[in-house]
């Protein structure tokens, strides 16, 4: 950055500069994107206006893989901090930007790397599998990284006598444990979004929409998953609603995905599973910190930038590569 003023703004977590209210943000973002040879990634949980301006929309790892294949010099990741870190791990020579550095993740925050390192020391003969929704430092402590779509297959690919630590999500770990029958040692972490769904309210929705199918992300708690007609990753849930003949769905994950579901199946009805509070749907407050205004300033100033130590990048790349090798062997 060029000025003390701009550096002070970056320290706040994002570039908070007043924008001319008369400008067309969408056209200006598109102009800056071309000018700077940038690619914009948007996670499914972003606001619809950000999804609509993105070059790629999807799950975190898939987005980082897409960006790595491009010739872009700049990656703008409209998501949360660990996602932008993953993009940097897979594209270490590219500049990676995050519209708001304060866009964190309750699941990622629930597993501080220094505490996990001590936890890992208690099980020296265990192989460490971590869910991709974690920090770069945690990935660097891992043997294999997994996603919500391949976690079961990754565990099943290992020898039956292989002892395993699974982190940081205890709910995904419990789901994998149940599906595989493996005795996993689980780190006690969780995603705030997927832990506050109301079973009573979901049952009430089922009574109001008896033909609706209930679909859920495996980060949800077991009593919620027990009611689901389909359990899968965010991309898997979207694919299911496209291919399934049902016309109505109750969706237990962050409500941002409903935008893509509705676009893909405009004649179908999608109802967000309600949380255990007064809200009608379950939004991630961290994801929603990103806005079009912050995206514009982020591109304009090319800040805030995600930087990682080279040794962390190298160590974090290895478990991701191991996952990709296993996935390729399994034909996933």
Protein backbone atom coordinates (compact mmCIF):
# COMPACT_ATOMS: atom_id res chain seq x y z
CA UNK A 1 0.00 0.00 0.00
CA UNK A 2 1.20 3.53 -0.70
CA UNK A 3 0.06 5.66 2.21
CA UNK A 4 -0.14 5.53 5.99
CA UNK A 5 -3.86 6.27 5.59
CA UNK A 6 -4.38 3.14 3.50
CA UNK A 7 -2.25 1.03 5.83
CA UNK A 8 -4.40 2.16 8.74
CA UNK A 9 -7.49 1.15 6.81
CA UNK A 10 -6.05 -2.27 6.07
CA UNK A 11 -5.37 -2.78 9.78
CA UNK A 12 -9.13 -2.58 10.33
CA UNK A 13 -9.52 -5.72 8.25
CA UNK A 14 -10.80 -4.13 5.05
CA UNK A 15 -10.43 -1.00 2.93
CA UNK A 16 -13.12 1.29 4.37
CA UNK A 17 -13.05 4.13 1.86
CA UNK A 18 -16.17 6.02 0.85
CA UNK A 19 -17.32 5.09 -2.64
CA UNK A 20 -18.97 7.53 -5.04
CA UNK A 21 -22.65 6.54 -4.73
CA UNK A 22 -23.25 7.31 -8.40
CA UNK A 23 -20.88 4.66 -9.76
CA UNK A 24 -22.14 1.33 -11.02
CA UNK A 25 -20.35 -1.10 -8.69
CA UNK A 26 -20.89 -4.12 -10.92
CA UNK A 27 -19.46 -2.48 -14.03
CA UNK A 28 -16.58 -0.98 -12.05
CA UNK A 29 -15.71 -4.33 -10.47
CA UNK A 30 -15.76 -5.94 -13.91
CA UNK A 31 -13.52 -3.15 -15.26
CA UNK A 32 -11.03 -3.53 -12.43
CA UNK A 33 -11.06 -7.28 -12.83
CA UNK A 34 -9.96 -7.00 -16.47
CA UNK A 35 -7.49 -4.22 -15.73
CA UNK A 36 -5.76 -6.23 -13.01
CA UNK A 37 -6.15 -9.68 -14.61
CA UNK A 38 -8.10 -10.84 -11.58
CA UNK A 39 -10.48 -13.71 -10.99
CA UNK A 40 -13.34 -13.47 -8.49
CA UNK A 41 -14.34 -16.54 -6.49
CA UNK A 42 -17.57 -16.65 -4.51
CA UNK A 43 -18.55 -19.32 -2.05
CA UNK A 44 -22.14 -20.58 -2.17
CA UNK A 45 -22.78 -18.84 1.15
CA UNK A 46 -22.10 -15.33 -0.14
CA UNK A 47 -24.83 -12.77 -0.79
CA UNK A 48 -26.56 -13.32 -4.13
CA UNK A 49 -25.19 -10.09 -5.65
CA UNK A 50 -21.63 -11.28 -5.03
CA UNK A 51 -22.38 -14.73 -6.43
CA UNK A 52 -23.79 -13.11 -9.57
CA UNK A 53 -20.62 -11.11 -10.26
CA UNK A 54 -18.18 -13.96 -9.59
CA UNK A 55 -16.26 -15.87 -12.24
CA UNK A 56 -16.61 -19.09 -10.26
CA UNK A 57 -19.12 -20.12 -7.59
CA UNK A 58 -18.70 -23.23 -5.48
CA UNK A 59 -17.25 -24.95 -2.43
CA UNK A 60 -13.99 -23.71 -0.96
CA UNK A 61 -11.49 -26.27 -2.26
CA UNK A 62 -13.09 -26.47 -5.71
CA UNK A 63 -12.87 -22.70 -6.06
CA UNK A 64 -9.18 -22.67 -5.14
CA UNK A 65 -8.53 -25.43 -7.67
CA UNK A 66 -10.38 -23.47 -10.37
CA UNK A 67 -8.35 -20.34 -9.63
CA UNK A 68 -5.08 -22.29 -9.77
CA UNK A 69 -5.90 -23.36 -13.34
CA UNK A 70 -6.36 -19.79 -14.55
CA UNK A 71 -3.71 -17.37 -15.77
CA UNK A 72 -5.01 -14.69 -13.40
CA UNK A 73 -2.46 -12.63 -11.49
CA UNK A 74 -4.92 -11.79 -8.71
CA UNK A 75 -7.44 -14.00 -6.89
CA UNK A 76 -10.24 -12.28 -4.99
CA UNK A 77 -11.88 -14.81 -2.69
CA UNK A 78 -15.32 -13.75 -1.52
CA UNK A 79 -15.53 -16.22 1.32
CA UNK A 80 -13.82 -16.55 4.68
CA UNK A 81 -10.19 -16.41 5.78
CA UNK A 82 -9.28 -20.11 5.65
CA UNK A 83 -10.65 -20.32 2.09
CA UNK A 84 -8.40 -17.51 0.91
CA UNK A 85 -5.50 -19.29 2.64
CA UNK A 86 -6.29 -22.45 0.68
CA UNK A 87 -6.23 -20.43 -2.53
CA UNK A 88 -2.78 -19.11 -1.56
CA UNK A 89 -1.56 -22.65 -0.79
CA UNK A 90 -2.61 -23.84 -4.26
CA UNK A 91 -1.50 -20.62 -6.03
CA UNK A 92 1.51 -19.38 -4.04
CA UNK A 93 2.76 -17.07 -6.82
CA UNK A 94 -0.57 -15.29 -7.25
CA UNK A 95 -1.79 -12.37 -5.17
CA UNK A 96 -4.75 -13.52 -3.06
CA UNK A 97 -7.17 -10.96 -1.67
CA UNK A 98 -10.03 -11.23 0.84
CA UNK A 99 -12.58 -8.37 0.90
CA UNK A 100 -12.76 -8.45 4.71
CA UNK A 101 -10.00 -10.01 6.83
CA UNK A 102 -12.47 -10.28 9.70
CA UNK A 103 -14.47 -12.83 7.70
CA UNK A 104 -13.39 -15.73 9.87
CA UNK A 105 -14.97 -19.09 10.60
CA UNK A 106 -16.32 -20.49 13.87
CA UNK A 107 -15.22 -24.00 12.90
CA UNK A 108 -11.72 -22.93 11.96
CA UNK A 109 -11.46 -20.83 15.13
CA UNK A 110 -12.56 -23.81 17.25
CA UNK A 111 -9.26 -25.56 16.51
CA UNK A 112 -6.23 -23.40 17.35
CA UNK A 113 -3.18 -25.06 15.74
CA UNK A 114 -1.02 -24.89 18.87
CA UNK A 115 -3.66 -26.73 20.88
CA UNK A 116 -4.22 -29.26 18.13
CA UNK A 117 -0.46 -29.92 18.02
CA UNK A 118 -0.55 -30.84 21.72
CA UNK A 119 -3.65 -32.98 21.13
CA UNK A 120 -1.85 -34.74 18.27
CA UNK A 121 1.11 -35.55 20.54
CA UNK A 122 -1.19 -37.70 22.68
CA UNK A 123 -1.76 -40.06 19.73
CA UNK A 124 1.67 -40.54 18.11
CA UNK A 125 0.59 -43.63 16.17
CA UNK A 126 -2.46 -41.93 14.63
CA UNK A 127 -2.73 -40.52 11.13
CA UNK A 128 -4.25 -37.02 11.05
CA UNK A 129 -7.11 -36.24 8.68
CA UNK A 130 -8.41 -32.68 8.74
CA UNK A 131 -11.46 -31.24 7.07
CA UNK A 132 -10.50 -28.54 4.55
CA UNK A 133 -12.42 -25.96 6.64
CA UNK A 134 -9.41 -25.15 8.79
CA UNK A 135 -6.40 -22.84 8.87
CA UNK A 136 -3.28 -23.27 6.76
CA UNK A 137 -1.35 -24.02 9.96
CA UNK A 138 -3.72 -26.85 10.81
CA UNK A 139 -3.42 -28.29 7.31
CA UNK A 140 0.35 -28.17 7.80
CA UNK A 141 -0.07 -30.41 10.87
CA UNK A 142 -2.07 -32.96 8.89
CA UNK A 143 -1.35 -36.10 6.89
CA UNK A 144 -4.43 -35.89 4.67
CA UNK A 145 -6.98 -33.17 4.03
CA UNK A 146 -10.56 -34.09 3.14
CA UNK A 147 -13.76 -32.39 2.04
CA UNK A 148 -17.31 -33.07 3.17
CA UNK A 149 -17.91 -34.87 -0.13
CA UNK A 150 -14.96 -37.27 0.08
CA UNK A 151 -14.33 -37.68 3.84
CA UNK A 152 -16.03 -41.09 4.01
CA UNK A 153 -14.14 -42.44 0.99
CA UNK A 154 -10.80 -41.07 2.24
CA UNK A 155 -11.20 -42.87 5.57
CA UNK A 156 -12.41 -46.07 3.89
CA UNK A 157 -9.33 -46.06 1.62
CA UNK A 158 -7.00 -46.48 4.59
CA UNK A 159 -6.10 -49.87 6.13
CA UNK A 160 -8.68 -51.05 8.70
CA UNK A 161 -6.08 -51.07 11.46
CA UNK A 162 -4.90 -47.51 10.75
CA UNK A 163 -5.60 -45.31 13.76
CA UNK A 164 -6.99 -41.90 12.83
CA UNK A 165 -7.44 -38.46 14.35
CA UNK A 166 -10.21 -36.52 12.61
CA UNK A 167 -10.65 -32.77 13.01
CA UNK A 168 -11.74 -30.13 13.43
CA UNK A 169 -15.49 -30.78 12.94
CA UNK A 170 -16.92 -33.25 15.47
CA UNK A 171 -20.23 -33.54 13.61
CA UNK A 172 -18.65 -34.39 10.27
CA UNK A 173 -16.31 -36.72 12.14
CA UNK A 174 -19.23 -38.45 13.86
CA UNK A 175 -20.98 -38.82 10.50
CA UNK A 176 -17.84 -40.37 8.96
CA UNK A 177 -17.42 -42.61 12.00
CA UNK A 178 -21.00 -43.83 11.64
CA UNK A 179 -20.72 -44.41 7.88
CA UNK A 180 -17.37 -46.22 8.00
CA UNK A 181 -17.56 -48.00 11.36
CA UNK A 182 -14.06 -46.71 12.13
CA UNK A 183 -13.08 -45.70 15.65
CA UNK A 184 -11.94 -42.13 14.98
CA UNK A 185 -10.47 -39.83 17.60
CA UNK A 186 -12.40 -36.59 17.14
CA UNK A 187 -11.35 -33.03 17.85
CA UNK A 188 -14.21 -31.19 19.57
CA UNK A 189 -14.87 -28.42 17.04
CA UNK A 190 -18.00 -27.31 15.23
CA UNK A 191 -19.57 -24.80 12.85
CA UNK A 192 -21.97 -22.39 14.56
CA UNK A 193 -24.23 -22.28 11.50
CA UNK A 194 -24.76 -26.04 11.37
CA UNK A 195 -25.23 -26.49 15.12
CA UNK A 196 -28.25 -24.27 15.71
CA UNK A 197 -30.90 -25.82 13.48
CA UNK A 198 -34.17 -26.33 15.32
CA UNK A 199 -35.52 -29.86 15.14
CA UNK A 200 -38.96 -28.69 16.31
CA UNK A 201 -39.17 -25.99 13.63
CA UNK A 202 -37.99 -28.41 10.94
CA UNK A 203 -40.67 -30.89 11.99
CA UNK A 204 -43.24 -28.09 11.84
CA UNK A 205 -42.10 -27.29 8.30
CA UNK A 206 -42.49 -30.96 7.38
CA UNK A 207 -46.08 -30.83 8.59
CA UNK A 208 -46.72 -27.70 6.50
CA UNK A 209 -44.94 -29.19 3.45
CA UNK A 210 -45.49 -32.97 3.72
CA UNK A 211 -44.08 -33.65 0.24
CA UNK A 212 -40.88 -31.71 0.87
CA UNK A 213 -37.56 -33.55 1.01
CA UNK A 214 -35.23 -32.62 3.84
CA UNK A 215 -31.59 -32.29 2.80
CA UNK A 216 -28.70 -31.55 5.16
CA UNK A 217 -24.98 -30.90 5.29
CA UNK A 218 -22.94 -33.47 7.29
CA UNK A 219 -21.68 -30.67 9.56
CA UNK A 220 -25.15 -30.75 11.15
CA UNK A 221 -25.72 -32.57 14.42
CA UNK A 222 -26.68 -36.23 14.36
CA UNK A 223 -30.30 -35.71 15.43
CA UNK A 224 -30.77 -33.40 12.43
CA UNK A 225 -29.02 -35.76 10.01
CA UNK A 226 -31.21 -38.62 11.25
CA UNK A 227 -34.22 -36.90 9.67
CA UNK A 228 -32.58 -36.15 6.31
CA UNK A 229 -33.61 -37.64 2.98
CA UNK A 230 -30.21 -36.67 1.60
CA UNK A 231 -26.91 -35.78 3.30
CA UNK A 232 -24.13 -34.20 1.30
CA UNK A 233 -21.72 -31.35 0.67
CA UNK A 234 -23.01 -28.00 -0.51
CA UNK A 235 -22.24 -28.92 -4.13
CA UNK A 236 -23.77 -32.34 -3.57
CA UNK A 237 -26.96 -30.81 -2.21
CA UNK A 238 -27.22 -28.51 -5.21
CA UNK A 239 -26.70 -31.41 -7.62
CA UNK A 240 -29.29 -33.48 -5.77
CA UNK A 241 -31.96 -30.80 -6.07
CA UNK A 242 -31.28 -30.49 -9.80
CA UNK A 243 -31.51 -34.22 -10.48
CA UNK A 244 -34.18 -35.23 -7.96
CA UNK A 245 -37.80 -35.10 -9.20
CA UNK A 246 -39.24 -33.60 -6.01
CA UNK A 247 -40.58 -30.05 -6.18
CA UNK A 248 -40.01 -28.83 -2.61
CA UNK A 249 -36.95 -28.99 -0.35
CA UNK A 250 -36.15 -28.01 3.22
CA UNK A 251 -32.46 -27.15 3.20
CA UNK A 252 -30.26 -27.46 6.32
CA UNK A 253 -27.14 -25.50 5.55
CA UNK A 254 -26.24 -21.81 5.21
CA UNK A 255 -29.03 -20.07 3.32
CA UNK A 256 -26.78 -18.58 0.62
CA UNK A 257 -26.94 -21.84 -1.34
CA UNK A 258 -30.65 -21.31 -2.01
CA UNK A 259 -29.78 -18.65 -4.60
CA UNK A 260 -28.00 -21.20 -6.80
CA UNK A 261 -30.66 -23.84 -6.16
CA UNK A 262 -33.39 -21.45 -7.26
CA UNK A 263 -31.43 -20.38 -10.36
CA UNK A 264 -30.82 -24.00 -11.35
CA UNK A 265 -34.42 -25.11 -10.66
CA UNK A 266 -36.67 -22.05 -10.96
CA UNK A 267 -39.91 -24.03 -10.76
CA UNK A 268 -38.99 -25.71 -7.47
CA UNK A 269 -39.48 -24.42 -3.93
CA UNK A 270 -36.56 -24.16 -1.48
CA UNK A 271 -37.16 -23.49 2.20
CA UNK A 272 -34.25 -22.70 4.54
CA UNK A 273 -34.25 -24.88 7.65
CA UNK A 274 -34.76 -22.46 10.54
CA UNK A 275 -32.28 -22.02 13.40
CA UNK A 276 -33.06 -22.20 17.09
CA UNK A 277 -33.66 -18.44 17.33
CA UNK A 278 -36.02 -15.84 15.90
CA UNK A 279 -34.45 -15.81 12.43
CA UNK A 280 -36.28 -17.40 9.50
CA UNK A 281 -33.07 -18.76 7.98
CA UNK A 282 -29.55 -19.59 9.04
CA UNK A 283 -26.95 -17.07 7.82
CA UNK A 284 -23.23 -17.17 8.55
CA UNK A 285 -22.34 -13.75 9.98
CA UNK A 286 -18.72 -14.16 8.86
CA UNK A 287 -19.62 -14.93 5.24
CA UNK A 288 -21.97 -11.98 5.16
CA UNK A 289 -19.21 -9.52 6.13
CA UNK A 290 -18.22 -9.40 2.46
CA UNK A 291 -20.13 -6.82 0.41
CA UNK A 292 -19.97 -5.44 -3.13
CA UNK A 293 -18.47 -2.25 -1.72
CA UNK A 294 -15.69 -4.14 0.05
CA UNK A 295 -15.14 -6.24 -3.07
CA UNK A 296 -14.71 -3.06 -5.12
CA UNK A 297 -12.27 -1.48 -2.66
CA UNK A 298 -10.41 -4.77 -2.35
CA UNK A 299 -9.82 -4.86 -6.10
CA UNK A 300 -9.08 -1.15 -6.35
CA UNK A 301 -6.44 -1.10 -3.59
CA UNK A 302 -5.41 -4.77 -3.98
CA UNK A 303 -5.76 -5.18 -0.23
CA UNK A 304 -6.24 -6.89 2.20
CA UNK A 305 -3.80 -9.51 0.92
CA UNK A 306 -3.37 -13.03 2.26
CA UNK A 307 0.25 -13.95 2.92
CA UNK A 308 1.56 -17.23 4.31
CA UNK A 309 5.03 -18.34 5.32
CA UNK A 310 6.67 -20.44 2.63
CA UNK A 311 7.23 -23.39 4.98
CA UNK A 312 3.54 -23.38 5.94
CA UNK A 313 2.55 -23.41 2.26
CA UNK A 314 4.88 -26.32 1.52
CA UNK A 315 3.72 -28.37 4.51
CA UNK A 316 0.04 -27.61 3.83
CA UNK A 317 0.35 -28.61 0.17
CA UNK A 318 1.37 -32.17 1.05
CA UNK A 319 -1.88 -33.34 2.76
CA UNK A 320 -3.92 -31.72 -0.03
CA UNK A 321 -1.83 -33.55 -2.63
CA UNK A 322 -2.31 -36.79 -0.67
CA UNK A 323 -6.08 -36.29 -0.76
CA UNK A 324 -6.01 -35.60 -4.50
CA UNK A 325 -3.93 -38.74 -5.10
CA UNK A 326 -6.36 -40.90 -3.13
CA UNK A 327 -9.32 -39.27 -4.88
CA UNK A 328 -7.77 -39.98 -8.27
CA UNK A 329 -7.13 -43.62 -7.31
CA UNK A 330 -10.74 -43.98 -6.19
CA UNK A 331 -12.08 -42.21 -9.27
CA UNK A 332 -13.74 -39.47 -7.22
